[in-house]
Amino acid sequence: MCIRDRIPSSYQKEPIFIHPYQGTTVAEAIDQICDVQSSLIASQEDVRKIQAGLASHFAEQTPPKPTAAWCEIAPLLLSKKSSLLGRLWSRGAQGKKVLTRGHEVEVSNSGLVSLMGGNHIVYRKMGQDAIDAALKVHPEITPNNKVSVTRNMRLLGAYTSKSFDMSEGSTTEFIGHYKRILHEKFSLDWEVAENLVKTYGAQAIDVASMGAKKGMNERLHKDYHFMRAQVVYAARRELATSVKDVVFRRPVSYTHL
């Protein structure tokens, strides 16, 4: 999970978020309510607004020109009750229904539990609330654990002490360890090895192993650190079905192409 810096913007209604992404910097803002559309293209005006918002925070340095831009529609709830995070982000007066970026769990008369709204920042909390509601409504369900374990559940590719013989260590040590394995076992250069580890975590070994078997551990292009094996991995393990899936929605990021 990346760390996002939030800066206020006098030019926009919403703050701007800045966060690192694979060697680049991403600036994003949530600016306006729009109609549902099948596809969206970021306009020059959208880009100009973010640049203007950033400019006031770079008094001694001009923000660099963008290399790529995109936009998306985020579905919001119209609600009277929302989480603290949702209220902090909501639009509207207190006591009235507002558009909120929080989440809600709704239980129907038939016992159907619906999880609505939310965002990836609080996905663990969302899951916990949904499961807690389901257990309350359906006491016949016997959970494997008495309390939620989502807080400490590791994601796919997480570094653990079981991943290799090291009981404790910093993230930097873990990355260094896997880089050495990839360099020594698969003869990957250091830049490619570091990209794999930072992108896939402990799963980087699986990507390199697949590439070694297929003879696809060379770079896609000499100027970039992405491997051909990552394209195969995206199709076989990450449900990529098209070139767009690979280039725009997987680690072979268009921000570098």
C-alpha atoms as a PDB file:
ATOM      1  CA  MET A   1       0.000   0.000   0.000  1.00  0.00           C
ATOM      2  CA  CYS A   2       1.479   3.331  -1.015  1.00  0.00           C
ATOM      3  CA  ILE A   3       1.546   6.360   1.243  1.00  0.00           C
ATOM      4  CA  ARG A   4      -0.356   9.330  -0.140  1.00  0.00           C
ATOM      5  CA  ASP A   5       0.418  12.926   0.749  1.00  0.00           C
ATOM      6  CA  ARG A   6      -2.685  15.087   0.916  1.00  0.00           C
ATOM      7  CA  ILE A   7      -2.328  18.754   0.077  1.00  0.00           C
ATOM      8  CA  PRO A   8      -5.144  21.319   0.089  1.00  0.00           C
ATOM      9  CA  SER A   9      -5.883  23.121  -3.137  1.00  0.00           C
ATOM     10  CA  SER A  10      -7.264  26.630  -3.262  1.00  0.00           C
ATOM     11  CA  TYR A  11      -8.124  26.118  -6.922  1.00  0.00           C
ATOM     12  CA  GLN A  12     -10.314  23.059  -6.452  1.00  0.00           C
ATOM     13  CA  LYS A  13     -13.085  21.985  -4.118  1.00  0.00           C
ATOM     14  CA  GLU A  14     -11.256  18.772  -3.297  1.00  0.00           C
ATOM     15  CA  PRO A  15      -7.687  18.250  -2.078  1.00  0.00           C
ATOM     16  CA  ILE A  16      -5.014  16.823  -4.337  1.00  0.00           C
ATOM     17  CA  PHE A  17      -3.282  13.554  -3.489  1.00  0.00           C
ATOM     18  CA  ILE A  18       0.313  12.904  -4.456  1.00  0.00           C
ATOM     19  CA  HIS A  19       1.881   9.454  -4.243  1.00  0.00           C
ATOM     20  CA  PRO A  20       4.793   7.543  -5.776  1.00  0.00           C
ATOM     21  CA  TYR A  21       4.183   4.865  -8.389  1.00  0.00           C
ATOM     22  CA  GLN A  22       6.954   2.755  -9.929  1.00  0.00           C
ATOM     23  CA  GLY A  23       9.499   5.542 -10.169  1.00  0.00           C
ATOM     24  CA  THR A  24       7.012   8.252 -11.128  1.00  0.00           C
ATOM     25  CA  THR A  25       4.739  10.606  -9.189  1.00  0.00           C
ATOM     26  CA  VAL A  26       0.960  10.481  -9.496  1.00  0.00           C
ATOM     27  CA  ALA A  27      -1.220  13.504  -8.666  1.00  0.00           C
ATOM     28  CA  GLU A  28      -4.951  12.902  -8.383  1.00  0.00           C
ATOM     29  CA  ALA A  29      -8.062  14.809  -7.413  1.00  0.00           C
ATOM     30  CA  ILE A  30     -11.779  14.120  -7.157  1.00  0.00           C
ATOM     31  CA  ASP A  31     -13.360  17.165  -8.646  1.00  0.00           C
ATOM     32  CA  GLN A  32     -16.901  16.915  -9.925  1.00  0.00           C
ATOM     33  CA  ILE A  33     -20.128  14.957 -10.137  1.00  0.00           C
ATOM     34  CA  CYS A  34     -20.854  13.612 -13.615  1.00  0.00           C
ATOM     35  CA  ASP A  35     -23.297  11.434 -15.532  1.00  0.00           C
ATOM     36  CA  VAL A  36     -22.535   7.752 -16.022  1.00  0.00           C
ATOM     37  CA  GLN A  37     -20.632   7.172 -19.256  1.00  0.00           C
ATOM     38  CA  SER A  38     -19.215   4.079 -20.919  1.00  0.00           C
ATOM     39  CA  SER A  39     -15.771   5.641 -21.245  1.00  0.00           C
ATOM     40  CA  LEU A  40     -14.018   8.777 -20.088  1.00  0.00           C
ATOM     41  CA  ILE A  41     -11.071  10.730 -21.404  1.00  0.00           C
ATOM     42  CA  ALA A  42      -9.227  13.220 -19.214  1.00  0.00           C
ATOM     43  CA  SER A  43      -9.592  16.670 -20.741  1.00  0.00           C
ATOM     44  CA  GLN A  44      -6.966  19.379 -20.929  1.00  0.00           C
ATOM     45  CA  GLU A  45      -9.089  21.330 -18.452  1.00  0.00           C
ATOM     46  CA  ASP A  46      -8.892  18.438 -15.953  1.00  0.00           C
ATOM     47  CA  VAL A  47      -5.118  18.363 -16.303  1.00  0.00           C
ATOM     48  CA  ARG A  48      -4.875  22.151 -16.032  1.00  0.00           C
ATOM     49  CA  LYS A  49      -6.853  22.157 -12.781  1.00  0.00           C
ATOM     50  CA  ILE A  50      -4.513  19.672 -11.134  1.00  0.00           C
ATOM     51  CA  GLN A  51      -1.463  21.539 -12.405  1.00  0.00           C
ATOM     52  CA  ALA A  52      -2.871  24.810 -11.070  1.00  0.00           C
ATOM     53  CA  GLY A  53      -3.543  23.185  -7.711  1.00  0.00           C
ATOM     54  CA  LEU A  54       0.007  21.864  -7.546  1.00  0.00           C
ATOM     55  CA  ALA A  55       1.564  25.146  -8.637  1.00  0.00           C
ATOM     56  CA  SER A  56       0.666  26.905  -5.399  1.00  0.00           C
ATOM     57  CA  HIS A  57       2.685  24.304  -3.473  1.00  0.00           C
ATOM     58  CA  PHE A  58       5.776  24.507  -5.666  1.00  0.00           C
ATOM     59  CA  ALA A  59       6.647  28.157  -5.271  1.00  0.00           C
ATOM     60  CA  GLU A  60      10.327  27.651  -6.052  1.00  0.00           C
ATOM     61  CA  GLN A  61       9.935  24.860  -8.586  1.00  0.00           C
ATOM     62  CA  THR A  62       7.644  24.423 -11.573  1.00  0.00           C
ATOM     63  CA  PRO A  63       5.820  21.059 -11.506  1.00  0.00           C
ATOM     64  CA  PRO A  64       6.933  18.829 -14.392  1.00  0.00           C
ATOM     65  CA  LYS A  65       4.692  18.340 -17.397  1.00  0.00           C
ATOM     66  CA  PRO A  66       2.474  15.239 -17.166  1.00  0.00           C
ATOM     67  CA  THR A  67       3.416  12.172 -19.191  1.00  0.00           C
ATOM     68  CA  ALA A  68      -0.025  10.576 -18.981  1.00  0.00           C
ATOM     69  CA  ALA A  69      -3.523  11.401 -17.748  1.00  0.00           C
ATOM     70  CA  TRP A  70      -6.665   9.411 -17.061  1.00  0.00           C
ATOM     71  CA  CYS A  71      -9.981   9.742 -15.280  1.00  0.00           C
ATOM     72  CA  GLU A  72     -12.634   7.435 -13.914  1.00  0.00           C
ATOM     73  CA  ILE A  73     -16.089   7.421 -12.385  1.00  0.00           C
ATOM     74  CA  ALA A  74     -16.334   6.536  -8.707  1.00  0.00           C
ATOM     75  CA  PRO A  75     -19.845   5.450  -7.657  1.00  0.00           C
ATOM     76  CA  LEU A  76     -20.925   7.123  -4.416  1.00  0.00           C
ATOM     77  CA  LEU A  77     -23.681   6.411  -1.907  1.00  0.00           C
ATOM     78  CA  LEU A  78     -26.504   8.793  -1.116  1.00  0.00           C
ATOM     79  CA  SER A  79     -26.748   8.283   2.607  1.00  0.00           C
ATOM     80  CA  LYS A  80     -27.671   9.751   5.975  1.00  0.00           C
ATOM     81  CA  LYS A  81     -25.364   7.471   7.899  1.00  0.00           C
ATOM     82  CA  SER A  82     -21.767   6.834   7.012  1.00  0.00           C
ATOM     83  CA  SER A  83     -18.457   6.035   8.601  1.00  0.00           C
ATOM     84  CA  LEU A  84     -16.173   8.707  10.030  1.00  0.00           C
ATOM     85  CA  LEU A  85     -14.044   8.530   6.893  1.00  0.00           C
ATOM     86  CA  GLY A  86     -17.176   8.880   4.803  1.00  0.00           C
ATOM     87  CA  ARG A  87     -18.323  11.944   6.732  1.00  0.00           C
ATOM     88  CA  LEU A  88     -14.934  13.571   6.353  1.00  0.00           C
ATOM     89  CA  TRP A  89     -15.229  13.123   2.587  1.00  0.00           C
ATOM     90  CA  SER A  90     -18.962  13.766   2.205  1.00  0.00           C
ATOM     91  CA  ARG A  91     -20.662  16.543   0.317  1.00  0.00           C
ATOM     92  CA  GLY A  92     -23.737  18.172   1.876  1.00  0.00           C
ATOM     93  CA  ALA A  93     -25.142  19.562   5.102  1.00  0.00           C
ATOM     94  CA  GLN A  94     -25.297  17.642   8.347  1.00  0.00           C
ATOM     95  CA  GLY A  95     -28.539  15.715   8.871  1.00  0.00           C
ATOM     96  CA  LYS A  96     -29.334  15.535   5.162  1.00  0.00           C
ATOM     97  CA  LYS A  97     -28.650  12.810   2.667  1.00  0.00           C
ATOM     98  CA  VAL A  98     -25.212  13.340   1.190  1.00  0.00           C
ATOM     99  CA  LEU A  99     -22.973  11.716  -1.360  1.00  0.00           C
ATOM    100  CA  THR A 100     -20.389   9.861   0.646  1.00  0.00           C
ATOM    101  CA  ARG A 101     -17.232   7.914  -0.094  1.00  0.00           C
ATOM    102  CA  GLY A 102     -17.827   5.807   2.989  1.00  0.00           C
ATOM    103  CA  HIS A 103     -19.419   2.354   2.976  1.00  0.00           C
ATOM    104  CA  GLU A 104     -22.567   0.809   4.381  1.00  0.00           C
ATOM    105  CA  VAL A 105     -23.805  -2.693   5.093  1.00  0.00           C
ATOM    106  CA  GLU A 106     -27.491  -3.249   4.416  1.00  0.00           C
ATOM    107  CA  VAL A 107     -29.502  -6.313   5.427  1.00  0.00           C
ATOM    108  CA  SER A 108     -32.761  -7.057   3.593  1.00  0.00           C
ATOM    109  CA  ASN A 109     -35.834  -8.726   5.071  1.00  0.00           C
ATOM    110  CA  SER A 110     -34.793 -11.962   3.381  1.00  0.00           C
ATOM    111  CA  GLY A 111     -31.409 -11.899   5.119  1.00  0.00           C
ATOM    112  CA  LEU A 112     -29.395 -10.757   2.098  1.00  0.00           C
ATOM    113  CA  VAL A 113     -26.315  -8.811   3.234  1.00  0.00           C
ATOM    114  CA  SER A 114     -25.201  -6.082   0.821  1.00  0.00           C
ATOM    115  CA  LEU A 115     -21.924  -4.170   1.076  1.00  0.00           C
ATOM    116  CA  MET A 116     -22.142  -0.846  -0.730  1.00  0.00           C
ATOM    117  CA  GLY A 117     -19.788   2.028  -1.441  1.00  0.00           C
ATOM    118  CA  GLY A 118     -16.370   2.316   0.143  1.00  0.00           C
ATOM    119  CA  ASN A 119     -12.911   2.408  -1.405  1.00  0.00           C
ATOM    120  CA  HIS A 120      -9.717   0.388  -1.475  1.00  0.00           C
ATOM    121  CA  ILE A 121      -8.167   2.350   1.383  1.00  0.00           C
ATOM    122  CA  VAL A 122     -10.557   0.784   3.902  1.00  0.00           C
ATOM    123  CA  TYR A 123     -11.193  -2.560   2.197  1.00  0.00           C
ATOM    124  CA  ARG A 124     -10.270  -4.517   5.338  1.00  0.00           C
ATOM    125  CA  LYS A 125     -12.816  -2.602   7.411  1.00  0.00           C
ATOM    126  CA  MET A 126     -15.415  -3.091   4.696  1.00  0.00           C
ATOM    127  CA  GLY A 127     -14.881  -6.841   4.687  1.00  0.00           C
ATOM    128  CA  GLN A 128     -14.993  -7.053   8.465  1.00  0.00           C
ATOM    129  CA  ASP A 129     -18.264  -5.098   8.667  1.00  0.00           C
ATOM    130  CA  ALA A 130     -19.872  -7.291   6.001  1.00  0.00           C
ATOM    131  CA  ILE A 131     -18.829 -10.550   7.671  1.00  0.00           C
ATOM    132  CA  ASP A 132     -19.880  -9.313  11.111  1.00  0.00           C
ATOM    133  CA  ALA A 133     -23.303  -8.422   9.751  1.00  0.00           C
ATOM    134  CA  ALA A 134     -23.674 -11.801   8.032  1.00  0.00           C
ATOM    135  CA  LEU A 135     -22.813 -13.661  11.248  1.00  0.00           C
ATOM    136  CA  LYS A 136     -25.278 -11.573  13.226  1.00  0.00           C
ATOM    137  CA  VAL A 137     -28.126 -12.180  10.791  1.00  0.00           C
ATOM    138  CA  HIS A 138     -27.280 -15.853  10.236  1.00  0.00           C
ATOM    139  CA  PRO A 139     -26.279 -17.355  13.609  1.00  0.00           C
ATOM    140  CA  GLU A 140     -26.357 -20.816  12.033  1.00  0.00           C
ATOM    141  CA  ILE A 141     -23.049 -19.983  10.346  1.00  0.00           C
ATOM    142  CA  THR A 142     -20.083 -21.159  12.411  1.00  0.00           C
ATOM    143  CA  PRO A 143     -17.026 -18.966  11.794  1.00  0.00           C
ATOM    144  CA  ASN A 144     -13.510 -20.409  11.820  1.00  0.00           C
ATOM    145  CA  ASN A 145     -12.385 -17.601  14.132  1.00  0.00           C
ATOM    146  CA  LYS A 146     -14.137 -15.910  17.044  1.00  0.00           C
ATOM    147  CA  VAL A 147     -12.942 -12.461  15.984  1.00  0.00           C
ATOM    148  CA  SER A 148     -12.009 -10.969  12.631  1.00  0.00           C
ATOM    149  CA  VAL A 149      -8.493 -11.751  11.412  1.00  0.00           C
ATOM    150  CA  THR A 150      -8.451  -9.291   8.512  1.00  0.00           C
ATOM    151  CA  ARG A 151      -6.244  -6.772  10.356  1.00  0.00           C
ATOM    152  CA  ASN A 152      -3.268  -9.159  10.356  1.00  0.00           C
ATOM    153  CA  MET A 153      -4.006 -11.118   7.182  1.00  0.00           C
ATOM    154  CA  ARG A 154      -1.156 -10.812   4.714  1.00  0.00           C
ATOM    155  CA  LEU A 155      -1.790 -10.122   1.064  1.00  0.00           C
ATOM    156  CA  LEU A 156      -0.503 -12.271  -1.783  1.00  0.00           C
ATOM    157  CA  GLY A 157       3.223 -11.705  -2.146  1.00  0.00           C
ATOM    158  CA  ALA A 158       3.696 -10.264   1.348  1.00  0.00           C
ATOM    159  CA  TYR A 159       7.103 -10.698   2.919  1.00  0.00           C
ATOM    160  CA  THR A 160       6.976 -13.083   5.848  1.00  0.00           C
ATOM    161  CA  SER A 161       9.501 -14.823   8.059  1.00  0.00           C
ATOM    162  CA  LYS A 162       8.400 -18.071   6.395  1.00  0.00           C
ATOM    163  CA  SER A 163       9.345 -16.769   2.962  1.00  0.00           C
ATOM    164  CA  PHE A 164      13.005 -17.316   3.759  1.00  0.00           C
ATOM    165  CA  ASP A 165      15.249 -17.996   6.717  1.00  0.00           C
ATOM    166  CA  MET A 166      15.062 -14.626   8.444  1.00  0.00           C
ATOM    167  CA  SER A 167      12.956 -14.217  11.557  1.00  0.00           C
ATOM    168  CA  GLU A 168      12.854 -10.431  11.413  1.00  0.00           C
ATOM    169  CA  GLY A 169      13.991  -7.729   9.075  1.00  0.00           C
ATOM    170  CA  SER A 170      13.043  -4.454   7.456  1.00  0.00           C
ATOM    171  CA  THR A 171      11.354  -4.139   4.078  1.00  0.00           C
ATOM    172  CA  THR A 172      14.678  -2.981   2.636  1.00  0.00           C
ATOM    173  CA  GLU A 173      16.339  -6.191   3.831  1.00  0.00           C
ATOM    174  CA  PHE A 174      13.552  -8.310   2.351  1.00  0.00           C
ATOM    175  CA  ILE A 175      13.824  -6.530  -1.003  1.00  0.00           C
ATOM    176  CA  GLY A 176      17.595  -6.933  -0.976  1.00  0.00           C
ATOM    177  CA  HIS A 177      17.278 -10.632  -0.202  1.00  0.00           C
ATOM    178  CA  TYR A 178      14.893 -11.316  -3.092  1.00  0.00           C
ATOM    179  CA  LYS A 179      16.936  -9.170  -5.462  1.00  0.00           C
ATOM    180  CA  ARG A 180      19.965 -11.336  -4.770  1.00  0.00           C
ATOM    181  CA  ILE A 181      17.980 -14.508  -5.411  1.00  0.00           C
ATOM    182  CA  LEU A 182      16.663 -13.186  -8.718  1.00  0.00           C
ATOM    183  CA  HIS A 183      20.088 -11.963  -9.757  1.00  0.00           C
ATOM    184  CA  GLU A 184      21.980 -15.110  -8.800  1.00  0.00           C
ATOM    185  CA  LYS A 185      19.429 -17.804  -9.677  1.00  0.00           C
ATOM    186  CA  PHE A 186      17.869 -16.284 -12.789  1.00  0.00           C
ATOM    187  CA  SER A 187      20.694 -13.964 -13.947  1.00  0.00           C
ATOM    188  CA  LEU A 188      18.439 -10.912 -13.931  1.00  0.00           C
ATOM    189  CA  ASP A 189      20.126  -7.523 -13.832  1.00  0.00           C
ATOM    190  CA  TRP A 190      19.660  -5.531 -10.650  1.00  0.00           C
ATOM    191  CA  GLU A 191      17.183  -3.009 -12.092  1.00  0.00           C
ATOM    192  CA  VAL A 192      14.861  -5.720 -13.400  1.00  0.00           C
ATOM    193  CA  ALA A 193      15.184  -7.706 -10.167  1.00  0.00           C
ATOM    194  CA  GLU A 194      14.306  -4.691  -8.020  1.00  0.00           C
ATOM    195  CA  ASN A 195      11.278  -3.881 -10.182  1.00  0.00           C
ATOM    196  CA  LEU A 196       9.999  -7.449  -9.860  1.00  0.00           C
ATOM    197  CA  VAL A 197      10.344  -7.510  -6.081  1.00  0.00           C
ATOM    198  CA  LYS A 198       8.717  -4.110  -5.569  1.00  0.00           C
ATOM    199  CA  THR A 199       5.879  -5.070  -7.911  1.00  0.00           C
ATOM    200  CA  TYR A 200       5.165  -8.670  -6.923  1.00  0.00           C
ATOM    201  CA  GLY A 201       6.775  -9.046  -3.497  1.00  0.00           C
ATOM    202  CA  ALA A 202       7.523 -12.668  -2.672  1.00  0.00           C
ATOM    203  CA  GLN A 203       5.659 -13.691  -5.847  1.00  0.00           C
ATOM    204  CA  ALA A 204       8.554 -12.279  -7.876  1.00  0.00           C
ATOM    205  CA  ILE A 205      10.168 -15.723  -7.691  1.00  0.00           C
ATOM    206  CA  ASP A 206       7.115 -17.224  -9.415  1.00  0.00           C
ATOM    207  CA  VAL A 207       7.274 -14.650 -12.211  1.00  0.00           C
ATOM    208  CA  ALA A 208      10.975 -15.277 -12.808  1.00  0.00           C
ATOM    209  CA  SER A 209      10.507 -19.062 -12.647  1.00  0.00           C
ATOM    210  CA  MET A 210       7.770 -18.909 -15.265  1.00  0.00           C
ATOM    211  CA  GLY A 211       9.961 -16.708 -17.433  1.00  0.00           C
ATOM    212  CA  ALA A 212      12.926 -19.079 -17.098  1.00  0.00           C
ATOM    213  CA  LYS A 213      10.842 -22.073 -18.220  1.00  0.00           C
ATOM    214  CA  LYS A 214       9.515 -20.178 -21.252  1.00  0.00           C
ATOM    215  CA  GLY A 215      12.760 -18.373 -22.081  1.00  0.00           C
ATOM    216  CA  MET A 216      11.053 -15.013 -21.556  1.00  0.00           C
ATOM    217  CA  ASN A 217      13.103 -13.288 -18.872  1.00  0.00           C
ATOM    218  CA  GLU A 218      14.519 -10.704 -21.245  1.00  0.00           C
ATOM    219  CA  ARG A 219      13.265  -7.135 -21.261  1.00  0.00           C
ATOM    220  CA  LEU A 220      10.296  -6.080 -23.367  1.00  0.00           C
ATOM    221  CA  HIS A 221      12.425  -3.139 -24.495  1.00  0.00           C
ATOM    222  CA  LYS A 222      16.049  -2.333 -23.755  1.00  0.00           C
ATOM    223  CA  ASP A 223      15.143   1.035 -22.197  1.00  0.00           C
ATOM    224  CA  TYR A 224      12.585  -0.347 -19.725  1.00  0.00           C
ATOM    225  CA  HIS A 225      12.835  -2.794 -16.850  1.00  0.00           C
ATOM    226  CA  PHE A 226       9.732  -4.839 -17.658  1.00  0.00           C
ATOM    227  CA  MET A 227      10.141  -8.453 -18.763  1.00  0.00           C
ATOM    228  CA  ARG A 228       8.275 -10.485 -21.361  1.00  0.00           C
ATOM    229  CA  ALA A 229       7.472 -12.926 -18.564  1.00  0.00           C
ATOM    230  CA  GLN A 230       5.302 -10.291 -16.892  1.00  0.00           C
ATOM    231  CA  VAL A 231       2.957 -10.300 -19.884  1.00  0.00           C
ATOM    232  CA  VAL A 232       2.582 -14.084 -19.671  1.00  0.00           C
ATOM    233  CA  TYR A 233       2.115 -13.882 -15.902  1.00  0.00           C
ATOM    234  CA  ALA A 234      -0.599 -11.235 -16.309  1.00  0.00           C
ATOM    235  CA  ALA A 235      -2.516 -13.498 -18.707  1.00  0.00           C
ATOM    236  CA  ARG A 236      -2.135 -16.699 -16.693  1.00  0.00           C
ATOM    237  CA  ARG A 237      -2.319 -15.452 -13.109  1.00  0.00           C
ATOM    238  CA  GLU A 238      -3.954 -12.007 -13.184  1.00  0.00           C
ATOM    239  CA  LEU A 239      -6.857 -12.587 -15.605  1.00  0.00           C
ATOM    240  CA  ALA A 240      -5.544 -10.224 -18.308  1.00  0.00           C
ATOM    241  CA  THR A 241      -7.410 -10.920 -21.564  1.00  0.00           C
ATOM    242  CA  SER A 242      -6.263  -8.112 -23.860  1.00  0.00           C
ATOM    243  CA  VAL A 243      -3.355  -5.842 -24.660  1.00  0.00           C
ATOM    244  CA  LYS A 244      -5.142  -3.045 -22.784  1.00  0.00           C
ATOM    245  CA  ASP A 245      -5.372  -5.228 -19.694  1.00  0.00           C
ATOM    246  CA  VAL A 246      -1.617  -5.755 -19.749  1.00  0.00           C
ATOM    247  CA  VAL A 247      -0.501  -2.245 -20.692  1.00  0.00           C
ATOM    248  CA  PHE A 248      -3.014  -0.154 -18.737  1.00  0.00           C
ATOM    249  CA  ARG A 249      -4.129  -2.316 -15.827  1.00  0.00           C
ATOM    250  CA  ARG A 250      -1.161  -4.491 -14.909  1.00  0.00           C
ATOM    251  CA  PRO A 251       2.442  -3.853 -13.720  1.00  0.00           C
ATOM    252  CA  VAL A 252       3.608  -3.228 -17.303  1.00  0.00           C
ATOM    253  CA  SER A 253       2.529   0.341 -16.744  1.00  0.00           C
ATOM    254  CA  TYR A 254       1.819   2.842 -19.513  1.00  0.00           C
ATOM    255  CA  THR A 255       3.311   5.576 -17.326  1.00  0.00           C
ATOM    256  CA  HIS A 256       6.693   4.245 -18.455  1.00  0.00           C
ATOM    257  CA  LEU A 257       5.910   3.594 -22.126  1.00  0.00           C
END
